[in-house]
Amino acid sequence: MVPSGSEGDLHQLMDQRKRKRMKSNRESARSSRMRKQKHAENSVLRAQMMELSQRLESLNQILHCLNNWVYESEGFETSDESFTTNPFNIPHLNQPIMASADMMFEY
């Protein structure tokens, strides 16, 4: 039996709505997957940032200790402002390193 005009139109309308709904669901699922992927990427980046921040803090602490050690061993005051603006302003650190081929074979 072939559907009559109004039944055929209704069937066609339902098929259109079904296709539209399926397309919308596919787009929604794709969008949801992309959000989840970006969330995972953000989590990884956040963890990497935390690790790098901790490493930087550790290096800054080491540098602070070394700076204090250099000051104390050279008799500099730790409150010297020039060192904080230019840490390589210490006299012995500004001297060139001298080396010759003769020196290399002594060891």
PDB file of N, CA and C in Angstrom:
ATOM      1  N   MET A   1       0.832  -1.167   0.000  1.00  0.00           N
ATOM      2  CA  MET A   1       0.000   0.000   0.000  1.00  0.00           C
ATOM      3  C   MET A   1       0.887   1.243   0.000  1.00  0.00           C
ATOM      4  N   VAL A   2       0.662   2.157  -0.854  1.00  0.00           N
ATOM      5  CA  VAL A   2       1.404   3.399  -0.982  1.00  0.00           C
ATOM      6  C   VAL A   2       0.721   4.448  -0.130  1.00  0.00           C
ATOM      7  N   PRO A   3       1.498   5.132   0.713  1.00  0.00           N
ATOM      8  CA  PRO A   3       0.870   6.138   1.571  1.00  0.00           C
ATOM      9  C   PRO A   3       0.242   7.247   0.737  1.00  0.00           C
ATOM     10  N   SER A   4      -0.861   7.732   1.247  1.00  0.00           N
ATOM     11  CA  SER A   4      -1.549   8.807   0.542  1.00  0.00           C
ATOM     12  C   SER A   4      -0.741  10.091   0.692  1.00  0.00           C
ATOM     13  N   GLY A   5      -1.150  11.163   0.044  1.00  0.00           N
ATOM     14  CA  GLY A   5      -0.440  12.441   0.030  1.00  0.00           C
ATOM     15  C   GLY A   5      -0.133  12.966   1.403  1.00  0.00           C
ATOM     16  N   SER A   6      -1.115  13.024   2.286  1.00  0.00           N
ATOM     17  CA  SER A   6      -0.872  13.586   3.616  1.00  0.00           C
ATOM     18  C   SER A   6      -0.019  12.640   4.459  1.00  0.00           C
ATOM     19  N   GLU A   7      -0.221  11.316   4.294  1.00  0.00           N
ATOM     20  CA  GLU A   7       0.623  10.357   5.026  1.00  0.00           C
ATOM     21  C   GLU A   7       2.051  10.416   4.515  1.00  0.00           C
ATOM     22  N   GLY A   8       2.233  10.539   3.244  1.00  0.00           N
ATOM     23  CA  GLY A   8       3.578  10.639   2.640  1.00  0.00           C
ATOM     24  C   GLY A   8       4.288  11.896   3.104  1.00  0.00           C
ATOM     25  N   ASP A   9       3.543  13.007   3.152  1.00  0.00           N
ATOM     26  CA  ASP A   9       4.128  14.269   3.627  1.00  0.00           C
ATOM     27  C   ASP A   9       4.540  14.154   5.095  1.00  0.00           C
ATOM     28  N   LEU A  10       3.680  13.507   5.882  1.00  0.00           N
ATOM     29  CA  LEU A  10       3.975  13.327   7.304  1.00  0.00           C
ATOM     30  C   LEU A  10       5.213  12.440   7.481  1.00  0.00           C
ATOM     31  N   HIS A  11       5.304  11.373   6.705  1.00  0.00           N
ATOM     32  CA  HIS A  11       6.447  10.458   6.754  1.00  0.00           C
ATOM     33  C   HIS A  11       7.738  11.193   6.364  1.00  0.00           C
ATOM     34  N   GLN A  12       7.641  11.994   5.325  1.00  0.00           N
ATOM     35  CA  GLN A  12       8.796  12.758   4.856  1.00  0.00           C
ATOM     36  C   GLN A  12       9.237  13.782   5.922  1.00  0.00           C
ATOM     37  N   LEU A  13       8.269  14.444   6.551  1.00  0.00           N
ATOM     38  CA  LEU A  13       8.545  15.409   7.600  1.00  0.00           C
ATOM     39  C   LEU A  13       9.227  14.725   8.787  1.00  0.00           C
ATOM     40  N   MET A  14       8.743  13.543   9.173  1.00  0.00           N
ATOM     41  CA  MET A  14       9.340  12.798  10.287  1.00  0.00           C
ATOM     42  C   MET A  14      10.773  12.375   9.940  1.00  0.00           C
ATOM     43  N   ASP A  15      10.997  11.966   8.689  1.00  0.00           N
ATOM     44  CA  ASP A  15      12.346  11.585   8.257  1.00  0.00           C
ATOM     45  C   ASP A  15      13.292  12.785   8.305  1.00  0.00           C
ATOM     46  N   GLN A  16      12.803  13.929   7.885  1.00  0.00           N
ATOM     47  CA  GLN A  16      13.620  15.143   7.934  1.00  0.00           C
ATOM     48  C   GLN A  16      14.001  15.482   9.376  1.00  0.00           C
ATOM     49  N   ARG A  17      13.007  15.422  10.259  1.00  0.00           N
ATOM     50  CA  ARG A  17      13.267  15.724  11.665  1.00  0.00           C
ATOM     51  C   ARG A  17      14.252  14.729  12.272  1.00  0.00           C
ATOM     52  N   LYS A  18      14.091  13.447  11.888  1.00  0.00           N
ATOM     53  CA  LYS A  18      14.984  12.409  12.400  1.00  0.00           C
ATOM     54  C   LYS A  18      16.421  12.660  11.925  1.00  0.00           C
ATOM     55  N   ARG A  19      16.592  12.989  10.641  1.00  0.00           N
ATOM     56  CA  ARG A  19      17.925  13.275  10.110  1.00  0.00           C
ATOM     57  C   ARG A  19      18.534  14.506  10.789  1.00  0.00           C
ATOM     58  N   LYS A  20      17.691  15.527  10.986  1.00  0.00           N
ATOM     59  CA  LYS A  20      18.158  16.750  11.642  1.00  0.00           C
ATOM     60  C   LYS A  20      18.603  16.455  13.077  1.00  0.00           C
ATOM     61  N   ARG A  21      17.810  15.646  13.791  1.00  0.00           N
ATOM     62  CA  ARG A  21      18.139  15.283  15.174  1.00  0.00           C
ATOM     63  C   ARG A  21      19.427  14.460  15.224  1.00  0.00           C
ATOM     64  N   MET A  22      19.588  13.528  14.286  1.00  0.00           N
ATOM     65  CA  MET A  22      20.805  12.702  14.248  1.00  0.00           C
ATOM     66  C   MET A  22      22.037  13.577  13.981  1.00  0.00           C
ATOM     67  N   LYS A  23      21.881  14.511  13.048  1.00  0.00           N
ATOM     68  CA  LYS A  23      22.988  15.418  12.740  1.00  0.00           C
ATOM     69  C   LYS A  23      23.331  16.264  13.968  1.00  0.00           C
ATOM     70  N   SER A  24      22.323  16.779  14.637  1.00  0.00           N
ATOM     71  CA  SER A  24      22.531  17.585  15.833  1.00  0.00           C
ATOM     72  C   SER A  24      23.209  16.765  16.933  1.00  0.00           C
ATOM     73  N   ASN A  25      22.782  15.518  17.103  1.00  0.00           N
ATOM     74  CA  ASN A  25      23.387  14.648  18.118  1.00  0.00           C
ATOM     75  C   ASN A  25      24.860  14.368  17.801  1.00  0.00           C
ATOM     76  N   ARG A  26      25.157  14.145  16.511  1.00  0.00           N
ATOM     77  CA  ARG A  26      26.539  13.909  16.101  1.00  0.00           C
ATOM     78  C   ARG A  26      27.410  15.122  16.413  1.00  0.00           C
ATOM     79  N   GLU A  27      26.916  16.303  16.089  1.00  0.00           N
ATOM     80  CA  GLU A  27      27.672  17.533  16.356  1.00  0.00           C
ATOM     81  C   GLU A  27      27.864  17.750  17.857  1.00  0.00           C
ATOM     82  N   SER A  28      26.830  17.461  18.611  1.00  0.00           N
ATOM     83  CA  SER A  28      26.914  17.601  20.064  1.00  0.00           C
ATOM     84  C   SER A  28      27.943  16.630  20.646  1.00  0.00           C
ATOM     85  N   ALA A  29      27.943  15.398  20.167  1.00  0.00           N
ATOM     86  CA  ALA A  29      28.902  14.401  20.647  1.00  0.00           C
ATOM     87  C   ALA A  29      30.330  14.809  20.271  1.00  0.00           C
ATOM     88  N   ARG A  30      30.517  15.305  19.052  1.00  0.00           N
ATOM     89  CA  ARG A  30      31.839  15.760  18.615  1.00  0.00           C
ATOM     90  C   ARG A  30      32.317  16.920  19.483  1.00  0.00           C
ATOM     91  N   SER A  31      31.413  17.845  19.743  1.00  0.00           N
ATOM     92  CA  SER A  31      31.739  18.995  20.588  1.00  0.00           C
ATOM     93  C   SER A  31      32.114  18.536  21.998  1.00  0.00           C
ATOM     94  N   SER A  32      31.391  17.576  22.526  1.00  0.00           N
ATOM     95  CA  SER A  32      31.669  17.055  23.860  1.00  0.00           C
ATOM     96  C   SER A  32      33.038  16.367  23.903  1.00  0.00           C
ATOM     97  N   ARG A  33      33.359  15.598  22.864  1.00  0.00           N
ATOM     98  CA  ARG A  33      34.677  14.941  22.813  1.00  0.00           C
ATOM     99  C   ARG A  33      35.795  15.973  22.759  1.00  0.00           C
ATOM    100  N   MET A  34      35.593  17.026  21.990  1.00  0.00           N
ATOM    101  CA  MET A  34      36.606  18.076  21.888  1.00  0.00           C
ATOM    102  C   MET A  34      36.803  18.776  23.236  1.00  0.00           C
ATOM    103  N   ARG A  35      35.694  19.044  23.957  1.00  0.00           N
ATOM    104  CA  ARG A  35      35.798  19.670  25.281  1.00  0.00           C
ATOM    105  C   ARG A  35      36.583  18.779  26.236  1.00  0.00           C
ATOM    106  N   LYS A  36      36.289  17.477  26.219  1.00  0.00           N
ATOM    107  CA  LYS A  36      36.996  16.544  27.096  1.00  0.00           C
ATOM    108  C   LYS A  36      38.485  16.498  26.749  1.00  0.00           C
ATOM    109  N   GLN A  37      38.808  16.515  25.445  1.00  0.00           N
ATOM    110  CA  GLN A  37      40.204  16.485  25.022  1.00  0.00           C
ATOM    111  C   GLN A  37      40.918  17.754  25.474  1.00  0.00           C
ATOM    112  N   LYS A  38      40.288  18.896  25.309  1.00  0.00           N
ATOM    113  CA  LYS A  38      40.902  20.155  25.738  1.00  0.00           C
ATOM    114  C   LYS A  38      41.076  20.175  27.257  1.00  0.00           C
ATOM    115  N   HIS A  39      40.114  19.619  27.973  1.00  0.00           N
ATOM    116  CA  HIS A  39      40.214  19.561  29.438  1.00  0.00           C
ATOM    117  C   HIS A  39      41.430  18.723  29.835  1.00  0.00           C
ATOM    118  N   ALA A  40      41.621  17.579  29.153  1.00  0.00           N
ATOM    119  CA  ALA A  40      42.790  16.718  29.449  1.00  0.00           C
ATOM    120  C   ALA A  40      44.076  17.448  29.106  1.00  0.00           C
ATOM    121  N   GLU A  41      44.090  18.155  27.976  1.00  0.00           N
ATOM    122  CA  GLU A  41      45.290  18.897  27.587  1.00  0.00           C
ATOM    123  C   GLU A  41      45.589  19.984  28.619  1.00  0.00           C
ATOM    124  N   ASN A  42      44.558  20.667  29.088  1.00  0.00           N
ATOM    125  CA  ASN A  42      44.749  21.704  30.101  1.00  0.00           C
ATOM    126  C   ASN A  42      45.297  21.107  31.394  1.00  0.00           C
ATOM    127  N   SER A  43      44.807  19.929  31.758  1.00  0.00           N
ATOM    128  CA  SER A  43      45.293  19.269  32.973  1.00  0.00           C
ATOM    129  C   SER A  43      46.778  18.941  32.854  1.00  0.00           C
ATOM    130  N   VAL A  44      47.181  18.456  31.693  1.00  0.00           N
ATOM    131  CA  VAL A  44      48.592  18.126  31.467  1.00  0.00           C
ATOM    132  C   VAL A  44      49.432  19.397  31.529  1.00  0.00           C
ATOM    133  N   LEU A  45      48.975  20.452  30.858  1.00  0.00           N
ATOM    134  CA  LEU A  45      49.714  21.714  30.868  1.00  0.00           C
ATOM    135  C   LEU A  45      49.801  22.302  32.281  1.00  0.00           C
ATOM    136  N   ARG A  46      48.720  22.184  33.039  1.00  0.00           N
ATOM    137  CA  ARG A  46      48.724  22.679  34.418  1.00  0.00           C
ATOM    138  C   ARG A  46      49.748  21.918  35.255  1.00  0.00           C
ATOM    139  N   ALA A  47      49.806  20.595  35.075  1.00  0.00           N
ATOM    140  CA  ALA A  47      50.774  19.779  35.820  1.00  0.00           C
ATOM    141  C   ALA A  47      52.206  20.137  35.415  1.00  0.00           C
ATOM    142  N   GLN A  48      52.432  20.339  34.118  1.00  0.00           N
ATOM    143  CA  GLN A  48      53.761  20.731  33.662  1.00  0.00           C
ATOM    144  C   GLN A  48      54.147  22.097  34.222  1.00  0.00           C
ATOM    145  N   MET A  49      53.199  23.015  34.255  1.00  0.00           N
ATOM    146  CA  MET A  49      53.467  24.340  34.791  1.00  0.00           C
ATOM    147  C   MET A  49      53.842  24.254  36.273  1.00  0.00           C
ATOM    148  N   MET A  50      53.130  23.423  37.021  1.00  0.00           N
ATOM    149  CA  MET A  50      53.435  23.252  38.444  1.00  0.00           C
ATOM    150  C   MET A  50      54.845  22.689  38.632  1.00  0.00           C
ATOM    151  N   GLU A  51      55.189  21.679  37.826  1.00  0.00           N
ATOM    152  CA  GLU A  51      56.512  21.073  37.935  1.00  0.00           C
ATOM    153  C   GLU A  51      57.599  22.093  37.607  1.00  0.00           C
ATOM    154  N   LEU A  52      57.403  22.863  36.535  1.00  0.00           N
ATOM    155  CA  LEU A  52      58.395  23.866  36.155  1.00  0.00           C
ATOM    156  C   LEU A  52      58.497  24.976  37.198  1.00  0.00           C
ATOM    157  N   SER A  53      57.369  25.341  37.789  1.00  0.00           N
ATOM    158  CA  SER A  53      57.392  26.359  38.848  1.00  0.00           C
ATOM    159  C   SER A  53      58.190  25.868  40.049  1.00  0.00           C
ATOM    160  N   GLN A  54      57.995  24.594  40.403  1.00  0.00           N
ATOM    161  CA  GLN A  54      58.742  24.025  41.527  1.00  0.00           C
ATOM    162  C   GLN A  54      60.239  23.967  41.216  1.00  0.00           C
ATOM    163  N   ARG A  55      60.576  23.601  39.982  1.00  0.00           N
ATOM    164  CA  ARG A  55      61.993  23.568  39.590  1.00  0.00           C
ATOM    165  C   ARG A  55      62.598  24.969  39.662  1.00  0.00           C
ATOM    166  N   LEU A  56      61.848  25.952  39.156  1.00  0.00           N
ATOM    167  CA  LEU A  56      62.334  27.329  39.194  1.00  0.00           C
ATOM    168  C   LEU A  56      62.547  27.789  40.622  1.00  0.00           C
ATOM    169  N   GLU A  57      61.613  27.471  41.493  1.00  0.00           N
ATOM    170  CA  GLU A  57      61.747  27.854  42.904  1.00  0.00           C
ATOM    171  C   GLU A  57      62.982  27.194  43.518  1.00  0.00           C
ATOM    172  N   SER A  58      63.212  25.932  43.198  1.00  0.00           N
ATOM    173  CA  SER A  58      64.401  25.236  43.716  1.00  0.00           C
ATOM    174  C   SER A  58      65.678  25.896  43.204  1.00  0.00           C
ATOM    175  N   LEU A  59      65.702  26.226  41.921  1.00  0.00           N
ATOM    176  CA  LEU A  59      66.881  26.877  41.353  1.00  0.00           C
ATOM    177  C   LEU A  59      67.101  28.253  41.974  1.00  0.00           C
ATOM    178  N   ASN A  60      66.023  28.971  42.222  1.00  0.00           N
ATOM    179  CA  ASN A  60      66.150  30.280  42.868  1.00  0.00           C
ATOM    180  C   ASN A  60      66.699  30.144  44.287  1.00  0.00           C
ATOM    181  N   GLN A  61      66.274  29.105  44.995  1.00  0.00           N
ATOM    182  CA  GLN A  61      66.799  28.872  46.343  1.00  0.00           C
ATOM    183  C   GLN A  61      68.292  28.538  46.294  1.00  0.00           C
ATOM    184  N   ILE A  62      68.683  27.707  45.327  1.00  0.00           N
ATOM    185  CA  ILE A  62      70.101  27.365  45.173  1.00  0.00           C
ATOM    186  C   ILE A  62      70.902  28.616  44.850  1.00  0.00           C
ATOM    187  N   LEU A  63      70.384  29.420  43.927  1.00  0.00           N
ATOM    188  CA  LEU A  63      71.065  30.661  43.558  1.00  0.00           C
ATOM    189  C   LEU A  63      71.196  31.596  44.755  1.00  0.00           C
ATOM    190  N   HIS A  64      70.149  31.695  45.541  1.00  0.00           N
ATOM    191  CA  HIS A  64      70.188  32.535  46.735  1.00  0.00           C
ATOM    192  C   HIS A  64      71.275  32.047  47.697  1.00  0.00           C
ATOM    193  N   CYS A  65      71.333  30.743  47.905  1.00  0.00           N
ATOM    194  CA  CYS A  65      72.358  30.180  48.795  1.00  0.00           C
ATOM    195  C   CYS A  65      73.763  30.447  48.251  1.00  0.00           C
ATOM    196  N   LEU A  66      73.942  30.263  46.948  1.00  0.00           N
ATOM    197  CA  LEU A  66      75.253  30.513  46.344  1.00  0.00           C
ATOM    198  C   LEU A  66      75.633  31.983  46.452  1.00  0.00           C
ATOM    199  N   ASN A  67      74.679  32.845  46.222  1.00  0.00           N
ATOM    200  CA  ASN A  67      74.958  34.283  46.330  1.00  0.00           C
ATOM    201  C   ASN A  67      75.395  34.632  47.753  1.00  0.00           C
ATOM    202  N   ASN A  68      74.701  34.095  48.738  1.00  0.00           N
ATOM    203  CA  ASN A  68      75.068  34.353  50.132  1.00  0.00           C
ATOM    204  C   ASN A  68      76.441  33.793  50.450  1.00  0.00           C
ATOM    205  N   TRP A  69      76.726  32.605  49.928  1.00  0.00           N
ATOM    206  CA  TRP A  69      78.024  31.976  50.160  1.00  0.00           C
ATOM    207  C   TRP A  69      79.147  32.815  49.559  1.00  0.00           C
ATOM    208  N   VAL A  70      78.955  33.299  48.323  1.00  0.00           N
ATOM    209  CA  VAL A  70      79.972  34.121  47.667  1.00  0.00           C
ATOM    210  C   VAL A  70      80.189  35.394  48.460  1.00  0.00           C
ATOM    211  N   TYR A  71      79.113  36.028  48.888  1.00  0.00           N
ATOM    212  CA  TYR A  71      79.229  37.260  49.672  1.00  0.00           C
ATOM    213  C   TYR A  71      79.988  37.021  50.966  1.00  0.00           C
ATOM    214  N   GLU A  72      79.616  35.962  51.658  1.00  0.00           N
ATOM    215  CA  GLU A  72      80.253  35.691  52.947  1.00  0.00           C
ATOM    216  C   GLU A  72      81.716  35.303  52.776  1.00  0.00           C
ATOM    217  N   SER A  73      82.034  34.534  51.741  1.00  0.00           N
ATOM    218  CA  SER A  73      83.415  34.089  51.545  1.00  0.00           C
ATOM    219  C   SER A  73      84.305  35.213  51.033  1.00  0.00           C
ATOM    220  N   GLU A  74      83.738  36.190  50.357  1.00  0.00           N
ATOM    221  CA  GLU A  74      84.522  37.311  49.835  1.00  0.00           C
ATOM    222  C   GLU A  74      84.483  38.516  50.762  1.00  0.00           C
ATOM    223  N   GLY A  75      83.739  38.443  51.836  1.00  0.00           N
ATOM    224  CA  GLY A  75      83.663  39.537  52.775  1.00  0.00           C
ATOM    225  C   GLY A  75      82.735  40.661  52.325  1.00  0.00           C
ATOM    226  N   PHE A  76      81.848  40.388  51.397  1.00  0.00           N
ATOM    227  CA  PHE A  76      80.888  41.406  50.958  1.00  0.00           C
ATOM    228  C   PHE A  76      79.728  41.468  51.931  1.00  0.00           C
ATOM    229  N   GLU A  77      79.098  42.585  51.995  1.00  0.00           N
ATOM    230  CA  GLU A  77      77.884  42.724  52.794  1.00  0.00           C
ATOM    231  C   GLU A  77      76.722  42.108  52.018  1.00  0.00           C
ATOM    232  N   THR A  78      75.861  41.364  52.695  1.00  0.00           N
ATOM    233  CA  THR A  78      74.720  40.754  52.005  1.00  0.00           C
ATOM    234  C   THR A  78      73.653  41.768  51.637  1.00  0.00           C
ATOM    235  N   SER A  79      73.750  42.970  52.170  1.00  0.00           N
ATOM    236  CA  SER A  79      72.754  43.985  51.836  1.00  0.00           C
ATOM    237  C   SER A  79      73.185  44.837  50.651  1.00  0.00           C
ATOM    238  N   ASP A  80      74.299  44.483  50.004  1.00  0.00           N
ATOM    239  CA  ASP A  80      74.806  45.251  48.866  1.00  0.00           C
ATOM    240  C   ASP A  80      73.791  45.228  47.727  1.00  0.00           C
ATOM    241  N   GLU A  81      73.272  46.380  47.375  1.00  0.00           N
ATOM    242  CA  GLU A  81      72.225  46.481  46.349  1.00  0.00           C
ATOM    243  C   GLU A  81      72.751  46.196  44.954  1.00  0.00           C
ATOM    244  N   SER A  82      74.036  46.467  44.702  1.00  0.00           N
ATOM    245  CA  SER A  82      74.559  46.278  43.350  1.00  0.00           C
ATOM    246  C   SER A  82      74.535  44.811  42.945  1.00  0.00           C
ATOM    247  N   PHE A  83      74.659  43.922  43.915  1.00  0.00           N
ATOM    248  CA  PHE A  83      74.651  42.502  43.579  1.00  0.00           C
ATOM    249  C   PHE A  83      73.274  42.040  43.129  1.00  0.00           C
ATOM    250  N   THR A  84      72.246  42.573  43.730  1.00  0.00           N
ATOM    251  CA  THR A  84      70.895  42.160  43.352  1.00  0.00           C
ATOM    252  C   THR A  84      70.529  42.660  41.969  1.00  0.00           C
ATOM    253  N   THR A  85      71.107  43.783  41.556  1.00  0.00           N
ATOM    254  CA  THR A  85      70.813  44.277  40.213  1.00  0.00           C
ATOM    255  C   THR A  85      71.734  43.661  39.181  1.00  0.00           C
ATOM    256  N   ASN A  86      72.954  43.316  39.550  1.00  0.00           N
ATOM    257  CA  ASN A  86      73.902  42.679  38.641  1.00  0.00           C
ATOM    258  C   ASN A  86      74.700  41.627  39.405  1.00  0.00           C
ATOM    259  N   PRO A  87      74.240  40.379  39.391  1.00  0.00           N
ATOM    260  CA  PRO A  87      74.901  39.336  40.184  1.00  0.00           C
ATOM    261  C   PRO A  87      76.316  39.023  39.720  1.00  0.00           C
ATOM    262  N   PHE A  88      76.716  39.473  38.538  1.00  0.00           N
ATOM    263  CA  PHE A  88      78.054  39.184  38.038  1.00  0.00           C
ATOM    264  C   PHE A  88      78.991  40.366  38.264  1.00  0.00           C
ATOM    265  N   ASN A  89      78.656  41.197  39.217  1.00  0.00           N
ATOM    266  CA  ASN A  89      79.426  42.375  39.529  1.00  0.00           C
ATOM    267  C   ASN A  89      80.551  42.070  40.521  1.00  0.00           C
ATOM    268  N   ILE A  90      80.674  40.821  40.935  1.00  0.00           N
ATOM    269  CA  ILE A  90      81.720  40.426  41.877  1.00  0.00           C
ATOM    270  C   ILE A  90      83.044  40.406  41.109  1.00  0.00           C
ATOM    271  N   PRO A  91      84.118  41.003  41.663  1.00  0.00           N
ATOM    272  CA  PRO A  91      85.382  41.151  40.920  1.00  0.00           C
ATOM    273  C   PRO A  91      85.931  39.858  40.336  1.00  0.00           C
ATOM    274  N   HIS A  92      85.979  38.785  41.100  1.00  0.00           N
ATOM    275  CA  HIS A  92      86.604  37.581  40.557  1.00  0.00           C
ATOM    276  C   HIS A  92      85.737  36.892  39.495  1.00  0.00           C
ATOM    277  N   LEU A  93      84.434  37.162  39.461  1.00  0.00           N
ATOM    278  CA  LEU A  93      83.586  36.573  38.427  1.00  0.00           C
ATOM    279  C   LEU A  93      83.714  37.314  37.096  1.00  0.00           C
ATOM    280  N   ASN A  94      84.205  38.546  37.122  1.00  0.00           N
ATOM    281  CA  ASN A  94      84.351  39.313  35.897  1.00  0.00           C
ATOM    282  C   ASN A  94      85.683  39.070  35.211  1.00  0.00           C
ATOM    283  N   GLN A  95      86.585  38.307  35.838  1.00  0.00           N
ATOM    284  CA  GLN A  95      87.895  38.061  35.256  1.00  0.00           C
ATOM    285  C   GLN A  95      87.781  36.985  34.176  1.00  0.00           C
ATOM    286  N   PRO A  96      88.492  37.149  33.053  1.00  0.00           N
ATOM    287  CA  PRO A  96      88.465  36.123  32.006  1.00  0.00           C
ATOM    288  C   PRO A  96      89.158  34.857  32.490  1.00  0.00           C
ATOM    289  N   ILE A  97      88.734  33.752  31.978  1.00  0.00           N
ATOM    290  CA  ILE A  97      89.352  32.470  32.317  1.00  0.00           C
ATOM    291  C   ILE A  97      90.501  32.257  31.348  1.00  0.00           C
ATOM    292  N   MET A  98      91.691  32.095  31.911  1.00  0.00           N
ATOM    293  CA  MET A  98      92.882  31.929  31.087  1.00  0.00           C
ATOM    294  C   MET A  98      93.208  30.443  30.987  1.00  0.00           C
ATOM    295  N   ALA A  99      93.449  29.971  29.778  1.00  0.00           N
ATOM    296  CA  ALA A  99      93.816  28.578  29.573  1.00  0.00           C
ATOM    297  C   ALA A  99      94.741  28.503  28.370  1.00  0.00           C
ATOM    298  N   SER A 100      95.646  27.532  28.422  1.00  0.00           N
ATOM    299  CA  SER A 100      96.529  27.324  27.279  1.00  0.00           C
ATOM    300  C   SER A 100      96.586  25.837  26.992  1.00  0.00           C
ATOM    301  N   ALA A 101      97.120  25.475  25.869  1.00  0.00           N
ATOM    302  CA  ALA A 101      97.236  24.065  25.497  1.00  0.00           C
ATOM    303  C   ALA A 101      98.125  23.326  26.470  1.00  0.00           C
ATOM    304  N   ASP A 102      99.193  23.993  27.017  1.00  0.00           N
ATOM    305  CA  ASP A 102     100.092  23.368  27.995  1.00  0.00           C
ATOM    306  C   ASP A 102      99.337  22.937  29.240  1.00  0.00           C
ATOM    307  N   MET A 103      98.407  23.769  29.676  1.00  0.00           N
ATOM    308  CA  MET A 103      97.651  23.482  30.886  1.00  0.00           C
ATOM    309  C   MET A 103      96.727  22.284  30.696  1.00  0.00           C
ATOM    310  N   MET A 104      96.247  22.065  29.506  1.00  0.00           N
ATOM    311  CA  MET A 104      95.303  20.985  29.254  1.00  0.00           C
ATOM    312  C   MET A 104      95.946  19.613  29.449  1.00  0.00           C
ATOM    313  N   PHE A 105      97.248  19.491  29.175  1.00  0.00           N
ATOM    314  CA  PHE A 105      97.890  18.192  29.254  1.00  0.00           C
ATOM    315  C   PHE A 105      98.482  17.891  30.616  1.00  0.00           C
ATOM    316  N   GLU A 106      98.421  18.830  31.542  1.00  0.00           N
ATOM    317  CA  GLU A 106      98.925  18.604  32.887  1.00  0.00           C
ATOM    318  C   GLU A 106      98.046  17.631  33.659  1.00  0.00           C
ATOM    319  N   TYR A 107      96.806  17.550  33.319  1.00  0.00           N
ATOM    320  CA  TYR A 107      95.870  16.696  34.049  1.00  0.00           C
ATOM    321  C   TYR A 107      95.826  15.388  33.377  1.00  0.00           C
TER     322      TYR A 107
END
